[in-house]
Amino acid sequence: MHKIIYSENAVQDFEHIVFDLTEYAGFSSAITIFEDIKQAIEVLAYMPLMGVAGSVEGTREIYVRGYRIVYRVSSTEIQISTIIHCKRLYPNFFSNHAFF
């Protein structure tokens, strides 16, 4: 089993997702999507290669409820780099994000 590590950007992304969803769709919807994303990330600990090769070299991606989860795999860790809505420009989005 791999250890899951979240970058600061991924934590901020996750917080923004929950805040925005709470504001526009309600707390219940925000929690449901939060749980779905968190569960998908937890599965990565057991199946780190389940995502597709990412648009940024050395990354992989999974898609959950309209969100792209970008991550890197090492021999012992899954490093969650960012969580962004699929409608956002990618990978140019990373001009303001530090990557592992």
N, C-alpha and C. Protein backbone atom coordinates (compact mmCIF):
# COMPACT_ATOMS: atom_id res chain seq x y z
N MET A 1 0.84 -1.18 0.00
CA MET A 1 0.00 0.00 0.00
C MET A 1 0.89 1.25 0.00
N HIS A 2 0.55 2.21 -0.86
CA HIS A 2 1.27 3.47 -0.94
C HIS A 2 0.71 4.48 0.07
N LYS A 3 1.57 5.35 0.55
CA LYS A 3 1.14 6.44 1.43
C LYS A 3 0.66 7.60 0.57
N ILE A 4 -0.46 8.21 0.94
CA ILE A 4 -1.00 9.36 0.21
C ILE A 4 -0.44 10.64 0.82
N ILE A 5 0.15 11.49 -0.03
CA ILE A 5 0.69 12.78 0.38
C ILE A 5 0.00 13.86 -0.46
N TYR A 6 -0.53 14.88 0.18
CA TYR A 6 -1.18 16.00 -0.52
C TYR A 6 -0.22 17.18 -0.56
N SER A 7 -0.05 17.78 -1.73
CA SER A 7 0.71 19.02 -1.82
C SER A 7 -0.12 20.14 -1.18
N GLU A 8 0.54 21.24 -0.85
CA GLU A 8 -0.20 22.39 -0.32
C GLU A 8 -1.24 22.86 -1.32
N ASN A 9 -0.89 22.82 -2.61
CA ASN A 9 -1.83 23.23 -3.65
C ASN A 9 -3.05 22.34 -3.67
N ALA A 10 -2.84 21.04 -3.53
CA ALA A 10 -3.97 20.11 -3.55
C ALA A 10 -4.90 20.36 -2.36
N VAL A 11 -4.33 20.64 -1.20
CA VAL A 11 -5.14 20.93 -0.02
C VAL A 11 -5.95 22.20 -0.26
N GLN A 12 -5.30 23.24 -0.79
CA GLN A 12 -6.01 24.48 -1.09
C GLN A 12 -7.09 24.26 -2.15
N ASP A 13 -6.76 23.48 -3.17
CA ASP A 13 -7.75 23.17 -4.21
C ASP A 13 -8.97 22.50 -3.60
N PHE A 14 -8.73 21.51 -2.75
CA PHE A 14 -9.81 20.77 -2.11
C PHE A 14 -10.68 21.70 -1.27
N GLU A 15 -10.04 22.59 -0.52
CA GLU A 15 -10.79 23.55 0.30
C GLU A 15 -11.65 24.46 -0.56
N HIS A 16 -11.08 24.94 -1.68
CA HIS A 16 -11.83 25.81 -2.58
C HIS A 16 -13.03 25.08 -3.20
N ILE A 17 -12.81 23.82 -3.56
CA ILE A 17 -13.90 23.03 -4.15
C ILE A 17 -15.06 22.95 -3.16
N VAL A 18 -14.76 22.59 -1.92
CA VAL A 18 -15.81 22.45 -0.91
C VAL A 18 -16.49 23.80 -0.65
N PHE A 19 -15.71 24.86 -0.53
CA PHE A 19 -16.27 26.19 -0.29
C PHE A 19 -17.20 26.60 -1.44
N ASP A 20 -16.70 26.47 -2.68
CA ASP A 20 -17.49 26.88 -3.84
C ASP A 20 -18.76 26.05 -3.97
N LEU A 21 -18.65 24.74 -3.79
CA LEU A 21 -19.83 23.89 -3.89
C LEU A 21 -20.84 24.20 -2.79
N THR A 22 -20.35 24.49 -1.60
CA THR A 22 -21.26 24.85 -0.51
C THR A 22 -22.03 26.11 -0.85
N GLU A 23 -21.32 27.07 -1.43
CA GLU A 23 -21.96 28.34 -1.78
C GLU A 23 -22.99 28.19 -2.90
N TYR A 24 -22.67 27.37 -3.91
CA TYR A 24 -23.53 27.30 -5.10
C TYR A 24 -24.50 26.12 -5.12
N ALA A 25 -24.14 25.03 -4.45
CA ALA A 25 -25.00 23.85 -4.53
C ALA A 25 -25.49 23.37 -3.17
N GLY A 26 -24.95 23.93 -2.11
CA GLY A 26 -25.37 23.55 -0.77
C GLY A 26 -24.37 22.62 -0.09
N PHE A 27 -24.44 22.62 1.22
CA PHE A 27 -23.50 21.86 2.04
C PHE A 27 -23.56 20.36 1.75
N SER A 28 -24.76 19.83 1.60
CA SER A 28 -24.92 18.40 1.36
C SER A 28 -24.23 17.96 0.07
N SER A 29 -24.40 18.74 -0.99
CA SER A 29 -23.74 18.42 -2.27
C SER A 29 -22.23 18.51 -2.15
N ALA A 30 -21.76 19.52 -1.43
CA ALA A 30 -20.31 19.70 -1.25
C ALA A 30 -19.71 18.50 -0.51
N ILE A 31 -20.38 18.05 0.52
CA ILE A 31 -19.88 16.91 1.29
C ILE A 31 -19.89 15.64 0.45
N THR A 32 -20.93 15.44 -0.34
CA THR A 32 -21.02 14.26 -1.20
C THR A 32 -19.86 14.21 -2.18
N ILE A 33 -19.59 15.32 -2.84
CA ILE A 33 -18.49 15.36 -3.82
C ILE A 33 -17.15 15.24 -3.11
N PHE A 34 -16.99 15.90 -1.97
CA PHE A 34 -15.77 15.77 -1.17
C PHE A 34 -15.50 14.30 -0.86
N GLU A 35 -16.52 13.60 -0.38
CA GLU A 35 -16.36 12.18 -0.02
C GLU A 35 -16.03 11.33 -1.24
N ASP A 36 -16.66 11.61 -2.38
CA ASP A 36 -16.37 10.85 -3.61
C ASP A 36 -14.93 11.04 -4.04
N ILE A 37 -14.44 12.28 -4.00
CA ILE A 37 -13.05 12.55 -4.39
C ILE A 37 -12.10 11.89 -3.40
N LYS A 38 -12.36 12.04 -2.12
CA LYS A 38 -11.50 11.45 -1.10
C LYS A 38 -11.44 9.93 -1.23
N GLN A 39 -12.57 9.31 -1.50
CA GLN A 39 -12.61 7.86 -1.65
C GLN A 39 -11.78 7.41 -2.85
N ALA A 40 -11.89 8.13 -3.97
CA ALA A 40 -11.11 7.79 -5.16
C ALA A 40 -9.62 7.91 -4.88
N ILE A 41 -9.23 8.94 -4.14
CA ILE A 41 -7.82 9.11 -3.79
C ILE A 41 -7.35 7.98 -2.89
N GLU A 42 -8.18 7.56 -1.96
CA GLU A 42 -7.82 6.46 -1.06
C GLU A 42 -7.61 5.16 -1.83
N VAL A 43 -8.37 4.94 -2.89
CA VAL A 43 -8.21 3.74 -3.72
C VAL A 43 -6.83 3.74 -4.38
N LEU A 44 -6.31 4.93 -4.70
CA LEU A 44 -4.98 5.02 -5.31
C LEU A 44 -3.91 4.37 -4.45
N ALA A 45 -4.08 4.37 -3.14
CA ALA A 45 -3.09 3.76 -2.25
C ALA A 45 -2.91 2.28 -2.58
N TYR A 46 -3.96 1.64 -3.07
CA TYR A 46 -3.92 0.22 -3.40
C TYR A 46 -3.74 -0.04 -4.89
N MET A 47 -4.14 0.92 -5.72
CA MET A 47 -4.07 0.77 -7.17
C MET A 47 -3.47 2.04 -7.79
N PRO A 48 -2.19 2.32 -7.54
CA PRO A 48 -1.61 3.60 -7.94
C PRO A 48 -1.57 3.84 -9.44
N LEU A 49 -1.62 2.82 -10.24
CA LEU A 49 -1.55 2.99 -11.69
C LEU A 49 -2.91 2.97 -12.36
N MET A 50 -3.98 3.09 -11.58
CA MET A 50 -5.31 3.01 -12.18
C MET A 50 -5.64 4.22 -13.04
N GLY A 51 -4.99 5.35 -12.80
CA GLY A 51 -5.24 6.53 -13.62
C GLY A 51 -4.54 6.45 -14.96
N VAL A 52 -4.88 7.39 -15.82
CA VAL A 52 -4.25 7.46 -17.14
C VAL A 52 -2.99 8.31 -17.05
N ALA A 53 -2.10 8.16 -18.04
CA ALA A 53 -0.91 9.00 -18.10
C ALA A 53 -1.36 10.46 -18.19
N GLY A 54 -0.72 11.32 -17.41
CA GLY A 54 -1.13 12.71 -17.34
C GLY A 54 -0.62 13.57 -18.47
N SER A 55 -1.19 14.75 -18.59
CA SER A 55 -0.78 15.72 -19.60
C SER A 55 0.58 16.32 -19.27
N VAL A 56 0.96 16.33 -18.00
CA VAL A 56 2.28 16.78 -17.57
C VAL A 56 3.13 15.54 -17.38
N GLU A 57 4.33 15.55 -17.96
CA GLU A 57 5.21 14.38 -17.90
C GLU A 57 5.42 13.91 -16.46
N GLY A 58 5.34 12.61 -16.26
CA GLY A 58 5.57 12.02 -14.95
C GLY A 58 4.36 12.01 -14.04
N THR A 59 3.21 12.45 -14.56
CA THR A 59 2.00 12.45 -13.73
C THR A 59 1.00 11.44 -14.26
N ARG A 60 0.03 11.17 -13.42
CA ARG A 60 -1.12 10.36 -13.78
C ARG A 60 -2.35 11.14 -13.37
N GLU A 61 -3.52 10.76 -13.91
CA GLU A 61 -4.75 11.48 -13.62
C GLU A 61 -5.91 10.51 -13.46
N ILE A 62 -6.78 10.83 -12.52
CA ILE A 62 -8.08 10.17 -12.42
C ILE A 62 -9.14 11.26 -12.44
N TYR A 63 -10.34 10.88 -12.81
CA TYR A 63 -11.44 11.83 -12.95
C TYR A 63 -12.60 11.38 -12.06
N VAL A 64 -13.08 12.32 -11.25
CA VAL A 64 -14.16 12.02 -10.32
C VAL A 64 -15.14 13.19 -10.31
N ARG A 65 -16.39 12.93 -10.68
CA ARG A 65 -17.46 13.92 -10.57
C ARG A 65 -17.09 15.27 -11.20
N GLY A 66 -16.42 15.22 -12.35
CA GLY A 66 -16.07 16.45 -13.05
C GLY A 66 -14.78 17.09 -12.59
N TYR A 67 -14.03 16.42 -11.73
CA TYR A 67 -12.75 16.95 -11.24
C TYR A 67 -11.61 16.04 -11.68
N ARG A 68 -10.49 16.68 -12.01
CA ARG A 68 -9.27 15.97 -12.41
C ARG A 68 -8.34 15.96 -11.21
N ILE A 69 -7.90 14.79 -10.82
CA ILE A 69 -6.94 14.63 -9.73
C ILE A 69 -5.62 14.25 -10.37
N VAL A 70 -4.64 15.12 -10.23
CA VAL A 70 -3.33 14.91 -10.85
C VAL A 70 -2.38 14.44 -9.75
N TYR A 71 -1.65 13.35 -10.04
CA TYR A 71 -0.77 12.79 -9.01
C TYR A 71 0.48 12.17 -9.63
N ARG A 72 1.46 11.96 -8.78
CA ARG A 72 2.70 11.27 -9.15
C ARG A 72 2.83 10.03 -8.27
N VAL A 73 3.46 9.01 -8.84
CA VAL A 73 3.63 7.74 -8.13
C VAL A 73 5.12 7.50 -7.91
N SER A 74 5.49 7.20 -6.66
CA SER A 74 6.84 6.73 -6.36
C SER A 74 6.71 5.30 -5.85
N SER A 75 7.80 4.72 -5.44
CA SER A 75 7.74 3.33 -4.99
C SER A 75 6.94 3.15 -3.70
N THR A 76 6.80 4.23 -2.92
CA THR A 76 6.09 4.11 -1.65
C THR A 76 4.98 5.14 -1.45
N GLU A 77 4.91 6.15 -2.32
CA GLU A 77 3.97 7.25 -2.10
C GLU A 77 3.15 7.59 -3.35
N ILE A 78 1.97 8.12 -3.08
CA ILE A 78 1.15 8.79 -4.09
C ILE A 78 1.17 10.26 -3.70
N GLN A 79 1.66 11.11 -4.57
CA GLN A 79 1.74 12.54 -4.28
C GLN A 79 0.65 13.26 -5.07
N ILE A 80 -0.38 13.72 -4.38
CA ILE A 80 -1.48 14.43 -5.02
C ILE A 80 -1.01 15.85 -5.29
N SER A 81 -0.92 16.20 -6.57
CA SER A 81 -0.39 17.51 -6.96
C SER A 81 -1.46 18.58 -6.99
N THR A 82 -2.61 18.25 -7.58
CA THR A 82 -3.69 19.23 -7.66
C THR A 82 -5.01 18.52 -7.92
N ILE A 83 -6.08 19.22 -7.61
CA ILE A 83 -7.44 18.75 -7.89
C ILE A 83 -8.14 19.93 -8.55
N ILE A 84 -8.48 19.79 -9.82
CA ILE A 84 -9.07 20.91 -10.55
C ILE A 84 -10.31 20.45 -11.32
N HIS A 85 -11.21 21.38 -11.54
CA HIS A 85 -12.40 21.07 -12.33
C HIS A 85 -11.97 20.82 -13.77
N CYS A 86 -12.59 19.86 -14.40
CA CYS A 86 -12.22 19.48 -15.77
C CYS A 86 -12.40 20.61 -16.78
N LYS A 87 -13.21 21.61 -16.47
CA LYS A 87 -13.40 22.73 -17.39
C LYS A 87 -12.26 23.74 -17.32
N ARG A 88 -11.42 23.65 -16.31
CA ARG A 88 -10.31 24.59 -16.18
C ARG A 88 -9.21 24.25 -17.17
N LEU A 89 -8.53 25.27 -17.62
CA LEU A 89 -7.43 25.10 -18.57
C LEU A 89 -6.31 24.30 -17.93
N TYR A 90 -5.88 23.29 -18.62
CA TYR A 90 -4.85 22.39 -18.09
C TYR A 90 -3.95 21.96 -19.23
N PRO A 91 -2.64 21.95 -19.11
CA PRO A 91 -1.84 22.18 -17.91
C PRO A 91 -1.41 23.62 -17.68
N ASN A 92 -1.83 24.58 -18.50
CA ASN A 92 -1.44 25.97 -18.28
C ASN A 92 -1.84 26.46 -16.90
N PHE A 93 -2.79 25.79 -16.30
CA PHE A 93 -3.23 26.10 -14.94
C PHE A 93 -2.05 26.11 -13.98
N PHE A 94 -1.02 25.32 -14.27
CA PHE A 94 0.09 25.15 -13.35
C PHE A 94 1.08 26.30 -13.36
N SER A 95 0.86 27.32 -14.15
CA SER A 95 1.78 28.45 -14.12
C SER A 95 1.81 29.09 -12.74
N ASN A 96 0.73 28.96 -11.97
CA ASN A 96 0.68 29.51 -10.61
C ASN A 96 0.79 28.44 -9.53
N HIS A 97 0.96 27.20 -9.93
CA HIS A 97 1.02 26.10 -8.96
C HIS A 97 2.42 25.50 -8.95
N ALA A 98 2.94 25.27 -7.77
CA ALA A 98 4.19 24.53 -7.64
C ALA A 98 3.85 23.05 -7.77
N PHE A 99 4.71 22.33 -8.44
CA PHE A 99 4.51 20.90 -8.64
C PHE A 99 5.56 20.17 -7.83
N PHE A 100 5.25 19.02 -7.32
CA PHE A 100 6.23 18.25 -6.54
C PHE A 100 7.54 18.17 -7.25
